[in-house]
Amino acid sequence: MKKKIYIAGKLNAPAVEYIKNIHRMLDYARRVRRIGFSVYVPAIDVLLGIFEGDLEYSDYFGNSQPWLAVSDAVFVVPGWEGSEGVKREIETAKELGIPVFYDLTALMNELHS
């Protein structure tokens, strides 16, 4: 079975930057998937948010955190440093003993089997 990788990255920003942040997360998710892992990308919740129309930040974060908790690792997308949400995700992963990676090569070398 493929290992599950949670893709963490900065999202909150004005509209144009928000879209760029989603693009960056999806780009890295594609790369992680291509090296043989299964991925969960919290940014995909934007689609549900558009459909629902009234979701709050807590709804998005509350949906993604159970996925983080069952992941084999977290990959942190570059540019995350200003994101309080990613800082919380890194802290949660460490508390749960889930390894956190900031580099694709390190992720592949350590987890790909």
PDB file of N, CA and C in Angstrom:
ATOM      1  N   MET A   1       0.848  -1.183   0.000  1.00  0.00           N
ATOM      2  CA  MET A   1       0.000   0.000   0.000  1.00  0.00           C
ATOM      3  C   MET A   1       0.890   1.241   0.000  1.00  0.00           C
ATOM      4  N   LYS A   2       0.479   2.258  -0.724  1.00  0.00           N
ATOM      5  CA  LYS A   2       1.241   3.499  -0.805  1.00  0.00           C
ATOM      6  C   LYS A   2       1.205   4.243   0.535  1.00  0.00           C
ATOM      7  N   LYS A   3       2.305   4.889   0.844  1.00  0.00           N
ATOM      8  CA  LYS A   3       2.346   5.735   2.030  1.00  0.00           C
ATOM      9  C   LYS A   3       1.593   7.026   1.753  1.00  0.00           C
ATOM     10  N   LYS A   4       0.935   7.521   2.802  1.00  0.00           N
ATOM     11  CA  LYS A   4       0.091   8.714   2.695  1.00  0.00           C
ATOM     12  C   LYS A   4       0.873   9.947   3.127  1.00  0.00           C
ATOM     13  N   ILE A   5       0.926  10.931   2.229  1.00  0.00           N
ATOM     14  CA  ILE A   5       1.662  12.158   2.505  1.00  0.00           C
ATOM     15  C   ILE A   5       0.686  13.331   2.528  1.00  0.00           C
ATOM     16  N   TYR A   6       0.717  14.077   3.623  1.00  0.00           N
ATOM     17  CA  TYR A   6      -0.092  15.277   3.792  1.00  0.00           C
ATOM     18  C   TYR A   6       0.724  16.439   3.260  1.00  0.00           C
ATOM     19  N   ILE A   7       0.159  17.195   2.328  1.00  0.00           N
ATOM     20  CA  ILE A   7       0.848  18.327   1.723  1.00  0.00           C
ATOM     21  C   ILE A   7       0.433  19.604   2.454  1.00  0.00           C
ATOM     22  N   ALA A   8       1.362  20.160   3.230  1.00  0.00           N
ATOM     23  CA  ALA A   8       1.083  21.375   4.002  1.00  0.00           C
ATOM     24  C   ALA A   8       1.681  22.580   3.291  1.00  0.00           C
ATOM     25  N   GLY A   9       0.929  23.648   3.227  1.00  0.00           N
ATOM     26  CA  GLY A   9       1.441  24.861   2.597  1.00  0.00           C
ATOM     27  C   GLY A   9       0.583  26.057   2.936  1.00  0.00           C
ATOM     28  N   LYS A  10       1.155  27.206   2.756  1.00  0.00           N
ATOM     29  CA  LYS A  10       0.452  28.451   3.027  1.00  0.00           C
ATOM     30  C   LYS A  10      -0.729  28.599   2.075  1.00  0.00           C
ATOM     31  N   LEU A  11      -1.881  28.980   2.611  1.00  0.00           N
ATOM     32  CA  LEU A  11      -3.063  29.246   1.793  1.00  0.00           C
ATOM     33  C   LEU A  11      -3.557  30.669   1.965  1.00  0.00           C
ATOM     34  N   ASN A  12      -3.842  31.058   3.187  1.00  0.00           N
ATOM     35  CA  ASN A  12      -4.480  32.360   3.428  1.00  0.00           C
ATOM     36  C   ASN A  12      -3.685  33.511   2.825  1.00  0.00           C
ATOM     37  N   ALA A  13      -4.367  34.279   1.986  1.00  0.00           N
ATOM     38  CA  ALA A  13      -3.760  35.430   1.311  1.00  0.00           C
ATOM     39  C   ALA A  13      -4.858  36.122   0.516  1.00  0.00           C
ATOM     40  N   PRO A  14      -4.595  37.338   0.035  1.00  0.00           N
ATOM     41  CA  PRO A  14      -5.539  37.963  -0.903  1.00  0.00           C
ATOM     42  C   PRO A  14      -5.730  37.060  -2.132  1.00  0.00           C
ATOM     43  N   ALA A  15      -6.788  37.287  -2.873  1.00  0.00           N
ATOM     44  CA  ALA A  15      -7.248  36.379  -3.928  1.00  0.00           C
ATOM     45  C   ALA A  15      -6.164  35.884  -4.873  1.00  0.00           C
ATOM     46  N   VAL A  16      -5.402  36.763  -5.459  1.00  0.00           N
ATOM     47  CA  VAL A  16      -4.399  36.332  -6.442  1.00  0.00           C
ATOM     48  C   VAL A  16      -3.329  35.468  -5.771  1.00  0.00           C
ATOM     49  N   GLU A  17      -2.863  35.884  -4.599  1.00  0.00           N
ATOM     50  CA  GLU A  17      -1.853  35.089  -3.888  1.00  0.00           C
ATOM     51  C   GLU A  17      -2.431  33.757  -3.421  1.00  0.00           C
ATOM     52  N   TYR A  18      -3.695  33.740  -3.028  1.00  0.00           N
ATOM     53  CA  TYR A  18      -4.355  32.506  -2.608  1.00  0.00           C
ATOM     54  C   TYR A  18      -4.324  31.493  -3.750  1.00  0.00           C
ATOM     55  N   ILE A  19      -4.638  31.938  -4.939  1.00  0.00           N
ATOM     56  CA  ILE A  19      -4.621  31.048  -6.107  1.00  0.00           C
ATOM     57  C   ILE A  19      -3.200  30.565  -6.374  1.00  0.00           C
ATOM     58  N   LYS A  20      -2.219  31.433  -6.252  1.00  0.00           N
ATOM     59  CA  LYS A  20      -0.819  31.028  -6.439  1.00  0.00           C
ATOM     60  C   LYS A  20      -0.409  30.005  -5.383  1.00  0.00           C
ATOM     61  N   ASN A  21      -0.867  30.190  -4.153  1.00  0.00           N
ATOM     62  CA  ASN A  21      -0.553  29.238  -3.087  1.00  0.00           C
ATOM     63  C   ASN A  21      -1.157  27.867  -3.381  1.00  0.00           C
ATOM     64  N   ILE A  22      -2.391  27.841  -3.866  1.00  0.00           N
ATOM     65  CA  ILE A  22      -3.024  26.578  -4.240  1.00  0.00           C
ATOM     66  C   ILE A  22      -2.228  25.926  -5.371  1.00  0.00           C
ATOM     67  N   HIS A  23      -1.850  26.716  -6.362  1.00  0.00           N
ATOM     68  CA  HIS A  23      -1.058  26.186  -7.479  1.00  0.00           C
ATOM     69  C   HIS A  23       0.233  25.539  -6.963  1.00  0.00           C
ATOM     70  N   ARG A  24       0.928  26.221  -6.075  1.00  0.00           N
ATOM     71  CA  ARG A  24       2.187  25.700  -5.544  1.00  0.00           C
ATOM     72  C   ARG A  24       1.964  24.386  -4.792  1.00  0.00           C
ATOM     73  N   MET A  25       0.908  24.325  -3.986  1.00  0.00           N
ATOM     74  CA  MET A  25       0.625  23.094  -3.249  1.00  0.00           C
ATOM     75  C   MET A  25       0.287  21.945  -4.202  1.00  0.00           C
ATOM     76  N   LEU A  26      -0.518  22.225  -5.215  1.00  0.00           N
ATOM     77  CA  LEU A  26      -0.884  21.176  -6.175  1.00  0.00           C
ATOM     78  C   LEU A  26       0.316  20.733  -7.002  1.00  0.00           C
ATOM     79  N   ASP A  27       1.202  21.665  -7.332  1.00  0.00           N
ATOM     80  CA  ASP A  27       2.406  21.309  -8.074  1.00  0.00           C
ATOM     81  C   ASP A  27       3.267  20.343  -7.264  1.00  0.00           C
ATOM     82  N   TYR A  28       3.477  20.644  -5.999  1.00  0.00           N
ATOM     83  CA  TYR A  28       4.271  19.743  -5.161  1.00  0.00           C
ATOM     84  C   TYR A  28       3.542  18.423  -4.913  1.00  0.00           C
ATOM     85  N   ALA A  29       2.231  18.463  -4.773  1.00  0.00           N
ATOM     86  CA  ALA A  29       1.460  17.226  -4.606  1.00  0.00           C
ATOM     87  C   ALA A  29       1.632  16.322  -5.820  1.00  0.00           C
ATOM     88  N   ARG A  30       1.625  16.917  -7.002  1.00  0.00           N
ATOM     89  CA  ARG A  30       1.836  16.147  -8.237  1.00  0.00           C
ATOM     90  C   ARG A  30       3.209  15.487  -8.207  1.00  0.00           C
ATOM     91  N   ARG A  31       4.218  16.219  -7.788  1.00  0.00           N
ATOM     92  CA  ARG A  31       5.572  15.666  -7.726  1.00  0.00           C
ATOM     93  C   ARG A  31       5.659  14.516  -6.727  1.00  0.00           C
ATOM     94  N   VAL A  32       5.058  14.718  -5.553  1.00  0.00           N
ATOM     95  CA  VAL A  32       5.075  13.680  -4.517  1.00  0.00           C
ATOM     96  C   VAL A  32       4.330  12.442  -5.012  1.00  0.00           C
ATOM     97  N   ARG A  33       3.217  12.653  -5.667  1.00  0.00           N
ATOM     98  CA  ARG A  33       2.444  11.528  -6.201  1.00  0.00           C
ATOM     99  C   ARG A  33       3.224  10.778  -7.277  1.00  0.00           C
ATOM    100  N   ARG A  34       3.925  11.510  -8.124  1.00  0.00           N
ATOM    101  CA  ARG A  34       4.699  10.879  -9.197  1.00  0.00           C
ATOM    102  C   ARG A  34       5.864  10.039  -8.689  1.00  0.00           C
ATOM    103  N   ILE A  35       6.356  10.305  -7.482  1.00  0.00           N
ATOM    104  CA  ILE A  35       7.425   9.461  -6.960  1.00  0.00           C
ATOM    105  C   ILE A  35       6.873   8.281  -6.161  1.00  0.00           C
ATOM    106  N   GLY A  36       5.549   8.127  -6.185  1.00  0.00           N
ATOM    107  CA  GLY A  36       4.971   6.890  -5.679  1.00  0.00           C
ATOM    108  C   GLY A  36       4.166   6.955  -4.406  1.00  0.00           C
ATOM    109  N   PHE A  37       3.835   8.134  -3.946  1.00  0.00           N
ATOM    110  CA  PHE A  37       3.054   8.267  -2.718  1.00  0.00           C
ATOM    111  C   PHE A  37       1.609   8.653  -3.029  1.00  0.00           C
ATOM    112  N   SER A  38       0.735   8.425  -2.066  1.00  0.00           N
ATOM    113  CA  SER A  38      -0.631   8.933  -2.121  1.00  0.00           C
ATOM    114  C   SER A  38      -0.619  10.267  -1.387  1.00  0.00           C
ATOM    115  N   VAL A  39      -1.389  11.248  -1.875  1.00  0.00           N
ATOM    116  CA  VAL A  39      -1.330  12.586  -1.281  1.00  0.00           C
ATOM    117  C   VAL A  39      -2.711  13.071  -0.845  1.00  0.00           C
ATOM    118  N   TYR A  40      -2.689  13.901   0.197  1.00  0.00           N
ATOM    119  CA  TYR A  40      -3.868  14.669   0.585  1.00  0.00           C
ATOM    120  C   TYR A  40      -3.448  16.132   0.569  1.00  0.00           C
ATOM    121  N   VAL A  41      -4.221  16.949  -0.131  1.00  0.00           N
ATOM    122  CA  VAL A  41      -3.904  18.367  -0.281  1.00  0.00           C
ATOM    123  C   VAL A  41      -5.061  19.190   0.292  1.00  0.00           C
ATOM    124  N   PRO A  42      -4.875  19.833   1.455  1.00  0.00           N
ATOM    125  CA  PRO A  42      -5.951  20.623   2.043  1.00  0.00           C
ATOM    126  C   PRO A  42      -6.493  21.700   1.106  1.00  0.00           C
ATOM    127  N   ALA A  43      -5.690  22.152   0.162  1.00  0.00           N
ATOM    128  CA  ALA A  43      -6.133  23.196  -0.766  1.00  0.00           C
ATOM    129  C   ALA A  43      -7.323  22.771  -1.610  1.00  0.00           C
ATOM    130  N   ILE A  44      -7.553  21.464  -1.761  1.00  0.00           N
ATOM    131  CA  ILE A  44      -8.691  21.038  -2.579  1.00  0.00           C
ATOM    132  C   ILE A  44     -10.020  21.384  -1.922  1.00  0.00           C
ATOM    133  N   ASP A  45      -9.975  21.680  -0.630  1.00  0.00           N
ATOM    134  CA  ASP A  45     -11.205  22.086   0.061  1.00  0.00           C
ATOM    135  C   ASP A  45     -11.787  23.380  -0.484  1.00  0.00           C
ATOM    136  N   VAL A  46     -10.982  24.127  -1.245  1.00  0.00           N
ATOM    137  CA  VAL A  46     -11.504  25.352  -1.849  1.00  0.00           C
ATOM    138  C   VAL A  46     -12.707  25.036  -2.732  1.00  0.00           C
ATOM    139  N   LEU A  47     -12.691  23.887  -3.363  1.00  0.00           N
ATOM    140  CA  LEU A  47     -13.820  23.507  -4.229  1.00  0.00           C
ATOM    141  C   LEU A  47     -15.090  23.308  -3.412  1.00  0.00           C
ATOM    142  N   LEU A  48     -14.966  22.647  -2.273  1.00  0.00           N
ATOM    143  CA  LEU A  48     -16.131  22.478  -1.403  1.00  0.00           C
ATOM    144  C   LEU A  48     -16.583  23.834  -0.863  1.00  0.00           C
ATOM    145  N   GLY A  49     -15.627  24.696  -0.554  1.00  0.00           N
ATOM    146  CA  GLY A  49     -15.963  26.032  -0.074  1.00  0.00           C
ATOM    147  C   GLY A  49     -16.738  26.836  -1.104  1.00  0.00           C
ATOM    148  N   ILE A  50     -16.345  26.715  -2.364  1.00  0.00           N
ATOM    149  CA  ILE A  50     -17.076  27.404  -3.433  1.00  0.00           C
ATOM    150  C   ILE A  50     -18.486  26.852  -3.529  1.00  0.00           C
ATOM    151  N   PHE A  51     -18.633  25.541  -3.434  1.00  0.00           N
ATOM    152  CA  PHE A  51     -19.944  24.909  -3.534  1.00  0.00           C
ATOM    153  C   PHE A  51     -20.824  25.261  -2.335  1.00  0.00           C
ATOM    154  N   GLU A  52     -20.262  25.121  -1.133  1.00  0.00           N
ATOM    155  CA  GLU A  52     -21.028  25.387   0.083  1.00  0.00           C
ATOM    156  C   GLU A  52     -21.325  26.881   0.250  1.00  0.00           C
ATOM    157  N   GLY A  53     -20.322  27.709   0.029  1.00  0.00           N
ATOM    158  CA  GLY A  53     -20.502  29.142   0.097  1.00  0.00           C
ATOM    159  C   GLY A  53     -20.439  29.789   1.458  1.00  0.00           C
ATOM    160  N   ASP A  54     -20.470  29.013   2.524  1.00  0.00           N
ATOM    161  CA  ASP A  54     -20.492  29.639   3.849  1.00  0.00           C
ATOM    162  C   ASP A  54     -19.552  28.978   4.856  1.00  0.00           C
ATOM    163  N   LEU A  55     -18.520  28.311   4.378  1.00  0.00           N
ATOM    164  CA  LEU A  55     -17.586  27.658   5.288  1.00  0.00           C
ATOM    165  C   LEU A  55     -16.670  28.684   5.948  1.00  0.00           C
ATOM    166  N   GLU A  56     -16.287  28.390   7.175  1.00  0.00           N
ATOM    167  CA  GLU A  56     -15.373  29.236   7.951  1.00  0.00           C
ATOM    168  C   GLU A  56     -14.005  28.559   7.996  1.00  0.00           C
ATOM    169  N   TYR A  57     -12.987  29.307   8.412  1.00  0.00           N
ATOM    170  CA  TYR A  57     -11.637  28.748   8.521  1.00  0.00           C
ATOM    171  C   TYR A  57     -11.644  27.465   9.337  1.00  0.00           C
ATOM    172  N   SER A  58     -12.387  27.452  10.424  1.00  0.00           N
ATOM    173  CA  SER A  58     -12.433  26.264  11.289  1.00  0.00           C
ATOM    174  C   SER A  58     -13.002  25.046  10.560  1.00  0.00           C
ATOM    175  N   ASP A  59     -13.897  25.271   9.605  1.00  0.00           N
ATOM    176  CA  ASP A  59     -14.438  24.157   8.819  1.00  0.00           C
ATOM    177  C   ASP A  59     -13.344  23.519   7.963  1.00  0.00           C
ATOM    178  N   TYR A  60     -12.532  24.360   7.326  1.00  0.00           N
ATOM    179  CA  TYR A  60     -11.450  23.847   6.485  1.00  0.00           C
ATOM    180  C   TYR A  60     -10.406  23.122   7.330  1.00  0.00           C
ATOM    181  N   PHE A  61      -9.951  23.785   8.390  1.00  0.00           N
ATOM    182  CA  PHE A  61      -8.917  23.207   9.235  1.00  0.00           C
ATOM    183  C   PHE A  61      -9.434  21.935   9.911  1.00  0.00           C
ATOM    184  N   GLY A  62     -10.684  21.954  10.325  1.00  0.00           N
ATOM    185  CA  GLY A  62     -11.277  20.781  10.960  1.00  0.00           C
ATOM    186  C   GLY A  62     -11.403  19.592  10.024  1.00  0.00           C
ATOM    187  N   ASN A  63     -11.530  19.855   8.733  1.00  0.00           N
ATOM    188  CA  ASN A  63     -11.600  18.767   7.767  1.00  0.00           C
ATOM    189  C   ASN A  63     -10.228  18.185   7.469  1.00  0.00           C
ATOM    190  N   SER A  64      -9.207  19.008   7.453  1.00  0.00           N
ATOM    191  CA  SER A  64      -7.880  18.533   7.055  1.00  0.00           C
ATOM    192  C   SER A  64      -7.134  17.813   8.176  1.00  0.00           C
ATOM    193  N   GLN A  65      -7.388  18.176   9.416  1.00  0.00           N
ATOM    194  CA  GLN A  65      -6.585  17.624  10.505  1.00  0.00           C
ATOM    195  C   GLN A  65      -6.739  16.119  10.728  1.00  0.00           C
ATOM    196  N   PRO A  66      -7.915  15.527  10.547  1.00  0.00           N
ATOM    197  CA  PRO A  66      -7.985  14.068  10.635  1.00  0.00           C
ATOM    198  C   PRO A  66      -7.127  13.378   9.564  1.00  0.00           C
ATOM    199  N   TRP A  67      -6.991  14.006   8.398  1.00  0.00           N
ATOM    200  CA  TRP A  67      -6.127  13.450   7.351  1.00  0.00           C
ATOM    201  C   TRP A  67      -4.664  13.534   7.779  1.00  0.00           C
ATOM    202  N   LEU A  68      -4.294  14.641   8.377  1.00  0.00           N
ATOM    203  CA  LEU A  68      -2.926  14.774   8.868  1.00  0.00           C
ATOM    204  C   LEU A  68      -2.631  13.671   9.888  1.00  0.00           C
ATOM    205  N   ALA A  69      -3.560  13.435  10.786  1.00  0.00           N
ATOM    206  CA  ALA A  69      -3.351  12.468  11.867  1.00  0.00           C
ATOM    207  C   ALA A  69      -3.127  11.046  11.376  1.00  0.00           C
ATOM    208  N   VAL A  70      -3.609  10.707  10.198  1.00  0.00           N
ATOM    209  CA  VAL A  70      -3.433   9.338   9.684  1.00  0.00           C
ATOM    210  C   VAL A  70      -2.385   9.268   8.573  1.00  0.00           C
ATOM    211  N   SER A  71      -1.672  10.354   8.368  1.00  0.00           N
ATOM    212  CA  SER A  71      -0.647  10.383   7.329  1.00  0.00           C
ATOM    213  C   SER A  71       0.635   9.727   7.818  1.00  0.00           C
ATOM    214  N   ASP A  72       1.401   9.208   6.867  1.00  0.00           N
ATOM    215  CA  ASP A  72       2.700   8.625   7.191  1.00  0.00           C
ATOM    216  C   ASP A  72       3.780   9.699   7.295  1.00  0.00           C
ATOM    217  N   ALA A  73       3.536  10.840   6.661  1.00  0.00           N
ATOM    218  CA  ALA A  73       4.486  11.956   6.709  1.00  0.00           C
ATOM    219  C   ALA A  73       3.780  13.223   6.265  1.00  0.00           C
ATOM    220  N   VAL A  74       4.418  14.343   6.573  1.00  0.00           N
ATOM    221  CA  VAL A  74       3.957  15.657   6.115  1.00  0.00           C
ATOM    222  C   VAL A  74       5.058  16.223   5.231  1.00  0.00           C
ATOM    223  N   PHE A  75       4.665  16.709   4.055  1.00  0.00           N
ATOM    224  CA  PHE A  75       5.593  17.443   3.205  1.00  0.00           C
ATOM    225  C   PHE A  75       5.187  18.903   3.247  1.00  0.00           C
ATOM    226  N   VAL A  76       6.141  19.768   3.586  1.00  0.00           N
ATOM    227  CA  VAL A  76       5.867  21.189   3.716  1.00  0.00           C
ATOM    228  C   VAL A  76       6.359  21.910   2.455  1.00  0.00           C
ATOM    229  N   VAL A  77       5.446  22.577   1.789  1.00  0.00           N
ATOM    230  CA  VAL A  77       5.713  23.282   0.543  1.00  0.00           C
ATOM    231  C   VAL A  77       6.494  24.569   0.830  1.00  0.00           C
ATOM    232  N   PRO A  78       7.527  24.864   0.038  1.00  0.00           N
ATOM    233  CA  PRO A  78       8.267  26.111   0.240  1.00  0.00           C
ATOM    234  C   PRO A  78       7.339  27.329   0.256  1.00  0.00           C
ATOM    235  N   GLY A  79       7.715  28.316   1.062  1.00  0.00           N
ATOM    236  CA  GLY A  79       6.918  29.530   1.200  1.00  0.00           C
ATOM    237  C   GLY A  79       5.945  29.481   2.369  1.00  0.00           C
ATOM    238  N   TRP A  80       6.030  28.480   3.190  1.00  0.00           N
ATOM    239  CA  TRP A  80       5.103  28.264   4.295  1.00  0.00           C
ATOM    240  C   TRP A  80       5.387  29.153   5.505  1.00  0.00           C
ATOM    241  N   GLU A  81       6.566  29.713   5.595  1.00  0.00           N
ATOM    242  CA  GLU A  81       7.076  30.310   6.823  1.00  0.00           C
ATOM    243  C   GLU A  81       6.143  31.327   7.486  1.00  0.00           C
ATOM    244  N   GLY A  82       5.339  32.055   6.743  1.00  0.00           N
ATOM    245  CA  GLY A  82       4.436  33.035   7.334  1.00  0.00           C
ATOM    246  C   GLY A  82       3.073  32.491   7.703  1.00  0.00           C
ATOM    247  N   SER A  83       2.881  31.191   7.573  1.00  0.00           N
ATOM    248  CA  SER A  83       1.565  30.604   7.790  1.00  0.00           C
ATOM    249  C   SER A  83       1.418  30.030   9.197  1.00  0.00           C
ATOM    250  N   GLU A  84       0.519  30.610   9.970  1.00  0.00           N
ATOM    251  CA  GLU A  84       0.243  30.091  11.313  1.00  0.00           C
ATOM    252  C   GLU A  84      -0.389  28.700  11.233  1.00  0.00           C
ATOM    253  N   GLY A  85      -1.214  28.468  10.207  1.00  0.00           N
ATOM    254  CA  GLY A  85      -1.836  27.155  10.041  1.00  0.00           C
ATOM    255  C   GLY A  85      -0.809  26.063   9.807  1.00  0.00           C
ATOM    256  N   VAL A  86       0.184  26.331   8.961  1.00  0.00           N
ATOM    257  CA  VAL A  86       1.236  25.330   8.707  1.00  0.00           C
ATOM    258  C   VAL A  86       2.065  25.115   9.966  1.00  0.00           C
ATOM    259  N   LYS A  87       2.338  26.172  10.705  1.00  0.00           N
ATOM    260  CA  LYS A  87       3.078  26.013  11.968  1.00  0.00           C
ATOM    261  C   LYS A  87       2.325  25.079  12.908  1.00  0.00           C
ATOM    262  N   ARG A  88       1.011  25.229  12.974  1.00  0.00           N
ATOM    263  CA  ARG A  88       0.183  24.336  13.808  1.00  0.00           C
ATOM    264  C   ARG A  88       0.226  22.913  13.282  1.00  0.00           C
ATOM    265  N   GLU A  89       0.198  22.757  11.948  1.00  0.00           N
ATOM    266  CA  GLU A  89       0.252  21.412  11.361  1.00  0.00           C
ATOM    267  C   GLU A  89       1.586  20.735  11.656  1.00  0.00           C
ATOM    268  N   ILE A  90       2.676  21.470  11.562  1.00  0.00           N
ATOM    269  CA  ILE A  90       3.994  20.908  11.879  1.00  0.00           C
ATOM    270  C   ILE A  90       4.046  20.488  13.339  1.00  0.00           C
ATOM    271  N   GLU A  91       3.548  21.335  14.210  1.00  0.00           N
ATOM    272  CA  GLU A  91       3.516  21.021  15.639  1.00  0.00           C
ATOM    273  C   GLU A  91       2.678  19.768  15.905  1.00  0.00           C
ATOM    274  N   THR A  92       1.508  19.687  15.280  1.00  0.00           N
ATOM    275  CA  THR A  92       0.650  18.507  15.450  1.00  0.00           C
ATOM    276  C   THR A  92       1.353  17.243  14.960  1.00  0.00           C
ATOM    277  N   ALA A  93       1.979  17.325  13.786  1.00  0.00           N
ATOM    278  CA  ALA A  93       2.686  16.163  13.242  1.00  0.00           C
ATOM    279  C   ALA A  93       3.766  15.703  14.215  1.00  0.00           C
ATOM    280  N   LYS A  94       4.533  16.626  14.733  1.00  0.00           N
ATOM    281  CA  LYS A  94       5.607  16.262  15.668  1.00  0.00           C
ATOM    282  C   LYS A  94       5.041  15.634  16.935  1.00  0.00           C
ATOM    283  N   GLU A  95       3.940  16.196  17.444  1.00  0.00           N
ATOM    284  CA  GLU A  95       3.298  15.621  18.633  1.00  0.00           C
ATOM    285  C   GLU A  95       2.832  14.192  18.386  1.00  0.00           C
ATOM    286  N   LEU A  96       2.397  13.909  17.144  1.00  0.00           N
ATOM    287  CA  LEU A  96       1.903  12.574  16.793  1.00  0.00           C
ATOM    288  C   LEU A  96       3.010  11.640  16.315  1.00  0.00           C
ATOM    289  N   GLY A  97       4.239  12.144  16.263  1.00  0.00           N
ATOM    290  CA  GLY A  97       5.357  11.313  15.809  1.00  0.00           C
ATOM    291  C   GLY A  97       5.386  11.105  14.304  1.00  0.00           C
ATOM    292  N   ILE A  98       4.746  12.006  13.567  1.00  0.00           N
ATOM    293  CA  ILE A  98       4.713  11.925  12.102  1.00  0.00           C
ATOM    294  C   ILE A  98       5.881  12.739  11.566  1.00  0.00           C
ATOM    295  N   PRO A  99       6.745  12.120  10.746  1.00  0.00           N
ATOM    296  CA  PRO A  99       7.890  12.877  10.229  1.00  0.00           C
ATOM    297  C   PRO A  99       7.461  14.013   9.309  1.00  0.00           C
ATOM    298  N   VAL A 100       8.219  15.105   9.358  1.00  0.00           N
ATOM    299  CA  VAL A 100       7.954  16.303   8.565  1.00  0.00           C
ATOM    300  C   VAL A 100       9.143  16.511   7.630  1.00  0.00           C
ATOM    301  N   PHE A 101       8.842  16.698   6.347  1.00  0.00           N
ATOM    302  CA  PHE A 101       9.884  16.883   5.344  1.00  0.00           C
ATOM    303  C   PHE A 101       9.698  18.227   4.644  1.00  0.00           C
ATOM    304  N   TYR A 102      10.825  18.835   4.304  1.00  0.00           N
ATOM    305  CA  TYR A 102      10.840  20.110   3.603  1.00  0.00           C
ATOM    306  C   TYR A 102      11.519  19.983   2.239  1.00  0.00           C
ATOM    307  N   ASP A 103      11.959  18.780   1.910  1.00  0.00           N
ATOM    308  CA  ASP A 103      12.725  18.522   0.699  1.00  0.00           C
ATOM    309  C   ASP A 103      12.240  17.213   0.066  1.00  0.00           C
ATOM    310  N   LEU A 104      11.951  17.252  -1.233  1.00  0.00           N
ATOM    311  CA  LEU A 104      11.440  16.063  -1.924  1.00  0.00           C
ATOM    312  C   LEU A 104      12.437  14.917  -1.922  1.00  0.00           C
ATOM    313  N   THR A 105      13.705  15.211  -2.081  1.00  0.00           N
ATOM    314  CA  THR A 105      14.719  14.155  -2.105  1.00  0.00           C
ATOM    315  C   THR A 105      14.771  13.448  -0.765  1.00  0.00           C
ATOM    316  N   ALA A 106      14.745  14.211   0.323  1.00  0.00           N
ATOM    317  CA  ALA A 106      14.752  13.612   1.660  1.00  0.00           C
ATOM    318  C   ALA A 106      13.514  12.752   1.871  1.00  0.00           C
ATOM    319  N   LEU A 107      12.369  13.231   1.443  1.00  0.00           N
ATOM    320  CA  LEU A 107      11.126  12.457   1.555  1.00  0.00           C
ATOM    321  C   LEU A 107      11.259  11.141   0.818  1.00  0.00           C
ATOM    322  N   MET A 108      11.702  11.206  -0.419  1.00  0.00           N
ATOM    323  CA  MET A 108      11.841   9.998  -1.234  1.00  0.00           C
ATOM    324  C   MET A 108      12.861   9.031  -0.627  1.00  0.00           C
ATOM    325  N   ASN A 109      14.004   9.544  -0.227  1.00  0.00           N
ATOM    326  CA  ASN A 109      15.064   8.674   0.315  1.00  0.00           C
ATOM    327  C   ASN A 109      14.672   8.006   1.606  1.00  0.00           C
ATOM    328  N   GLU A 110      13.938   8.709   2.437  1.00  0.00           N
ATOM    329  CA  GLU A 110      13.611   8.152   3.745  1.00  0.00           C
ATOM    330  C   GLU A 110      12.372   7.253   3.724  1.00  0.00           C
ATOM    331  N   LEU A 111      11.388   7.576   2.892  1.00  0.00           N
ATOM    332  CA  LEU A 111      10.122   6.841   2.970  1.00  0.00           C
ATOM    333  C   LEU A 111       9.834   5.916   1.797  1.00  0.00           C
ATOM    334  N   HIS A 112      10.489   6.115   0.687  1.00  0.00           N
ATOM    335  CA  HIS A 112      10.150   5.316  -0.506  1.00  0.00           C
ATOM    336  C   HIS A 112      10.762   3.936  -0.375  1.00  0.00           C
ATOM    337  N   SER A 113       9.915   2.928  -0.395  1.00  0.00           N
ATOM    338  CA  SER A 113      10.417   1.553  -0.309  1.00  0.00           C
ATOM    339  C   SER A 113       9.703   0.659  -1.279  1.00  0.00           C
TER     340      SER A 113
END
